[in-house]
Amino acid sequence: MNVSRRERETLTGPAAVGIVVGIFCAAFTVAFDSDYGGALASSSSTTRDAMLSLVAGFVLAFVPFGLVPVLVGRVRSGAGNKGG
């Protein structure tokens, strides 16, 4: 899949925001687990929860504000048409 300069610019902003949102979600998850998890929260479950929060935060920011606009733009411009 070739990505044009315009599409790359459209994807860069949401990707950066998604990384920041993911980091905040992971930090909030670790803080919540340490405050309310008590003895039940193990290190591996906290790490797993933080990683899932990081990925979920990224996806929730990147997909609707980066990936969907690029795909809609490609469909509207007819980039998906293979016919002659």
N, C-alpha and C. Protein backbone atom coordinates (compact mmCIF):
# COMPACT_ATOMS: atom_id res chain seq x y z
N MET A 1 0.85 -1.17 0.00
CA MET A 1 0.00 0.00 0.00
C MET A 1 0.89 1.23 0.00
N ASN A 2 0.79 2.02 -1.04
CA ASN A 2 1.55 3.26 -1.12
C ASN A 2 0.81 4.34 -0.37
N VAL A 3 1.54 5.08 0.43
CA VAL A 3 0.96 6.17 1.23
C VAL A 3 1.47 7.48 0.66
N SER A 4 0.53 8.34 0.26
CA SER A 4 0.93 9.63 -0.30
C SER A 4 1.38 10.57 0.81
N ARG A 5 1.96 11.66 0.41
CA ARG A 5 2.44 12.65 1.40
C ARG A 5 1.28 13.20 2.21
N ARG A 6 0.17 13.48 1.56
CA ARG A 6 -1.01 14.01 2.26
C ARG A 6 -1.54 13.00 3.27
N GLU A 7 -1.59 11.73 2.87
CA GLU A 7 -2.06 10.69 3.78
C GLU A 7 -1.09 10.51 4.95
N ARG A 8 0.19 10.60 4.69
CA ARG A 8 1.19 10.48 5.75
C ARG A 8 1.01 11.60 6.78
N GLU A 9 0.74 12.81 6.29
CA GLU A 9 0.50 13.93 7.20
C GLU A 9 -0.78 13.72 8.00
N THR A 10 -1.79 13.14 7.36
CA THR A 10 -3.05 12.87 8.05
C THR A 10 -2.86 11.81 9.13
N LEU A 11 -1.99 10.86 8.90
CA LEU A 11 -1.77 9.78 9.86
C LEU A 11 -0.82 10.16 10.99
N THR A 12 0.08 11.09 10.76
CA THR A 12 1.11 11.43 11.74
C THR A 12 0.53 12.05 13.01
N GLY A 13 -0.37 13.01 12.86
CA GLY A 13 -0.95 13.68 14.03
C GLY A 13 -1.71 12.73 14.95
N PRO A 14 -2.67 11.99 14.42
CA PRO A 14 -3.38 11.04 15.27
C PRO A 14 -2.49 9.96 15.87
N ALA A 15 -1.44 9.56 15.16
CA ALA A 15 -0.52 8.56 15.72
C ALA A 15 0.21 9.13 16.93
N ALA A 16 0.67 10.37 16.83
CA ALA A 16 1.36 11.01 17.96
C ALA A 16 0.41 11.20 19.14
N VAL A 17 -0.79 11.66 18.85
CA VAL A 17 -1.79 11.84 19.92
C VAL A 17 -2.15 10.49 20.52
N GLY A 18 -2.27 9.47 19.69
CA GLY A 18 -2.59 8.14 20.18
C GLY A 18 -1.53 7.59 21.11
N ILE A 19 -0.26 7.86 20.80
CA ILE A 19 0.82 7.42 21.68
C ILE A 19 0.72 8.11 23.03
N VAL A 20 0.48 9.41 23.03
CA VAL A 20 0.37 10.16 24.28
C VAL A 20 -0.84 9.68 25.09
N VAL A 21 -1.98 9.50 24.42
CA VAL A 21 -3.17 9.01 25.12
C VAL A 21 -2.91 7.62 25.69
N GLY A 22 -2.25 6.77 24.93
CA GLY A 22 -1.93 5.44 25.41
C GLY A 22 -1.02 5.46 26.62
N ILE A 23 -0.03 6.35 26.62
CA ILE A 23 0.88 6.47 27.76
C ILE A 23 0.11 6.93 29.00
N PHE A 24 -0.77 7.92 28.83
CA PHE A 24 -1.57 8.37 29.97
C PHE A 24 -2.48 7.26 30.48
N CYS A 25 -3.11 6.52 29.59
CA CYS A 25 -3.97 5.41 30.02
C CYS A 25 -3.17 4.36 30.78
N ALA A 26 -1.98 4.06 30.31
CA ALA A 26 -1.14 3.08 30.99
C ALA A 26 -0.72 3.59 32.37
N ALA A 27 -0.36 4.87 32.46
CA ALA A 27 0.04 5.44 33.75
C ALA A 27 -1.14 5.44 34.72
N PHE A 28 -2.32 5.78 34.23
CA PHE A 28 -3.50 5.78 35.10
C PHE A 28 -3.84 4.36 35.55
N THR A 29 -3.64 3.39 34.69
CA THR A 29 -3.90 2.00 35.05
C THR A 29 -2.95 1.53 36.15
N VAL A 30 -1.68 1.87 36.01
CA VAL A 30 -0.70 1.49 37.04
C VAL A 30 -1.04 2.17 38.36
N ALA A 31 -1.40 3.46 38.32
CA ALA A 31 -1.75 4.17 39.55
C ALA A 31 -3.01 3.58 40.19
N PHE A 32 -4.00 3.26 39.38
CA PHE A 32 -5.24 2.68 39.92
C PHE A 32 -4.97 1.31 40.53
N ASP A 33 -4.20 0.48 39.82
CA ASP A 33 -3.88 -0.85 40.35
C ASP A 33 -3.08 -0.77 41.65
N SER A 34 -2.17 0.19 41.74
CA SER A 34 -1.37 0.29 42.96
C SER A 34 -2.19 0.81 44.13
N ASP A 35 -3.17 1.66 43.86
CA ASP A 35 -4.01 2.20 44.94
C ASP A 35 -5.11 1.23 45.36
N TYR A 36 -5.79 0.64 44.40
CA TYR A 36 -6.98 -0.16 44.70
C TYR A 36 -6.77 -1.66 44.51
N GLY A 37 -5.68 -2.05 43.90
CA GLY A 37 -5.44 -3.47 43.68
C GLY A 37 -4.97 -4.17 44.95
N GLY A 38 -4.23 -3.44 45.77
CA GLY A 38 -3.74 -4.01 47.02
C GLY A 38 -2.85 -5.20 46.79
N ALA A 39 -2.99 -6.21 47.64
CA ALA A 39 -2.18 -7.41 47.55
C ALA A 39 -2.61 -8.30 46.38
N LEU A 40 -3.81 -8.06 45.85
CA LEU A 40 -4.31 -8.91 44.77
C LEU A 40 -3.63 -8.62 43.43
N ALA A 41 -3.15 -7.40 43.26
CA ALA A 41 -2.55 -7.02 41.98
C ALA A 41 -1.10 -7.49 41.93
N SER A 42 -0.83 -8.42 41.06
CA SER A 42 0.55 -8.89 40.89
C SER A 42 1.26 -8.01 39.88
N SER A 43 2.54 -8.14 39.83
CA SER A 43 3.34 -7.35 38.90
C SER A 43 3.00 -7.69 37.45
N SER A 44 2.80 -8.97 37.17
CA SER A 44 2.51 -9.37 35.79
C SER A 44 1.12 -8.90 35.35
N SER A 45 0.13 -8.93 36.26
CA SER A 45 -1.20 -8.46 35.86
C SER A 45 -1.22 -6.95 35.68
N THR A 46 -0.45 -6.23 36.50
CA THR A 46 -0.37 -4.78 36.33
C THR A 46 0.32 -4.44 35.02
N THR A 47 1.37 -5.16 34.68
CA THR A 47 2.07 -4.94 33.41
C THR A 47 1.16 -5.24 32.24
N ARG A 48 0.44 -6.35 32.31
CA ARG A 48 -0.49 -6.72 31.24
C ARG A 48 -1.57 -5.66 31.08
N ASP A 49 -2.15 -5.21 32.20
CA ASP A 49 -3.19 -4.18 32.15
C ASP A 49 -2.66 -2.88 31.56
N ALA A 50 -1.43 -2.51 31.94
CA ALA A 50 -0.84 -1.28 31.41
C ALA A 50 -0.60 -1.39 29.91
N MET A 51 -0.12 -2.54 29.44
CA MET A 51 0.11 -2.71 28.00
C MET A 51 -1.20 -2.69 27.22
N LEU A 52 -2.23 -3.33 27.76
CA LEU A 52 -3.53 -3.31 27.09
C LEU A 52 -4.09 -1.89 27.05
N SER A 53 -3.90 -1.13 28.12
CA SER A 53 -4.37 0.26 28.14
C SER A 53 -3.60 1.11 27.14
N LEU A 54 -2.30 0.86 27.01
CA LEU A 54 -1.50 1.59 26.05
C LEU A 54 -1.99 1.35 24.63
N VAL A 55 -2.21 0.09 24.30
CA VAL A 55 -2.68 -0.26 22.95
C VAL A 55 -4.10 0.27 22.72
N ALA A 56 -4.97 0.12 23.70
CA ALA A 56 -6.35 0.59 23.55
C ALA A 56 -6.40 2.10 23.39
N GLY A 57 -5.61 2.83 24.16
CA GLY A 57 -5.57 4.29 24.02
C GLY A 57 -5.08 4.71 22.65
N PHE A 58 -4.07 4.03 22.14
CA PHE A 58 -3.57 4.34 20.80
C PHE A 58 -4.63 4.06 19.74
N VAL A 59 -5.24 2.90 19.82
CA VAL A 59 -6.25 2.52 18.82
C VAL A 59 -7.44 3.46 18.86
N LEU A 60 -7.89 3.82 20.07
CA LEU A 60 -9.05 4.71 20.18
C LEU A 60 -8.78 6.11 19.63
N ALA A 61 -7.54 6.54 19.61
CA ALA A 61 -7.22 7.85 19.04
C ALA A 61 -6.86 7.75 17.56
N PHE A 62 -6.15 6.70 17.17
CA PHE A 62 -5.63 6.61 15.81
C PHE A 62 -6.67 6.18 14.78
N VAL A 63 -7.48 5.21 15.11
CA VAL A 63 -8.41 4.66 14.12
C VAL A 63 -9.45 5.71 13.67
N PRO A 64 -10.21 6.34 14.59
CA PRO A 64 -11.24 7.25 14.10
C PRO A 64 -10.69 8.56 13.52
N PHE A 65 -9.53 9.02 13.98
CA PHE A 65 -9.03 10.32 13.54
C PHE A 65 -7.90 10.24 12.54
N GLY A 66 -7.37 9.06 12.27
CA GLY A 66 -6.29 8.91 11.31
C GLY A 66 -6.60 7.93 10.21
N LEU A 67 -6.91 6.72 10.60
CA LEU A 67 -7.08 5.65 9.61
C LEU A 67 -8.38 5.79 8.82
N VAL A 68 -9.47 6.07 9.50
CA VAL A 68 -10.76 6.17 8.81
C VAL A 68 -10.78 7.31 7.79
N PRO A 69 -10.29 8.52 8.12
CA PRO A 69 -10.29 9.57 7.09
C PRO A 69 -9.46 9.21 5.86
N VAL A 70 -8.34 8.53 6.05
CA VAL A 70 -7.52 8.13 4.90
C VAL A 70 -8.26 7.11 4.05
N LEU A 71 -8.89 6.12 4.70
CA LEU A 71 -9.62 5.10 3.94
C LEU A 71 -10.83 5.69 3.22
N VAL A 72 -11.55 6.59 3.88
CA VAL A 72 -12.70 7.24 3.22
C VAL A 72 -12.22 8.07 2.04
N GLY A 73 -11.11 8.78 2.20
CA GLY A 73 -10.56 9.56 1.09
C GLY A 73 -10.16 8.70 -0.09
N ARG A 74 -9.61 7.53 0.19
CA ARG A 74 -9.23 6.62 -0.89
C ARG A 74 -10.46 6.07 -1.61
N VAL A 75 -11.49 5.74 -0.85
CA VAL A 75 -12.71 5.21 -1.47
C VAL A 75 -13.36 6.29 -2.33
N ARG A 76 -13.43 7.50 -1.81
CA ARG A 76 -14.04 8.60 -2.58
C ARG A 76 -13.27 8.94 -3.84
N SER A 77 -11.94 8.85 -3.78
CA SER A 77 -11.15 9.19 -4.95
C SER A 77 -11.09 8.05 -5.96
N GLY A 78 -11.59 6.89 -5.58
CA GLY A 78 -11.60 5.76 -6.49
C GLY A 78 -10.29 4.99 -6.52
N ALA A 79 -9.46 5.16 -5.47
CA ALA A 79 -8.18 4.46 -5.44
C ALA A 79 -8.35 2.95 -5.32
N GLY A 80 -9.51 2.53 -4.86
CA GLY A 80 -9.74 1.10 -4.71
C GLY A 80 -10.25 0.42 -5.96
N ASN A 81 -10.53 1.18 -7.01
CA ASN A 81 -11.06 0.61 -8.25
C ASN A 81 -9.93 -0.03 -9.05
N LYS A 82 -10.10 -1.28 -9.38
CA LYS A 82 -9.09 -2.01 -10.17
C LYS A 82 -9.50 -2.08 -11.64
N GLY A 83 -10.75 -1.77 -11.91
CA GLY A 83 -11.25 -1.90 -13.28
C GLY A 83 -10.70 -0.82 -14.19
N GLY A 84 -10.79 -1.05 -15.45
CA GLY A 84 -10.22 -0.15 -16.43
C GLY A 84 -11.24 0.76 -16.97
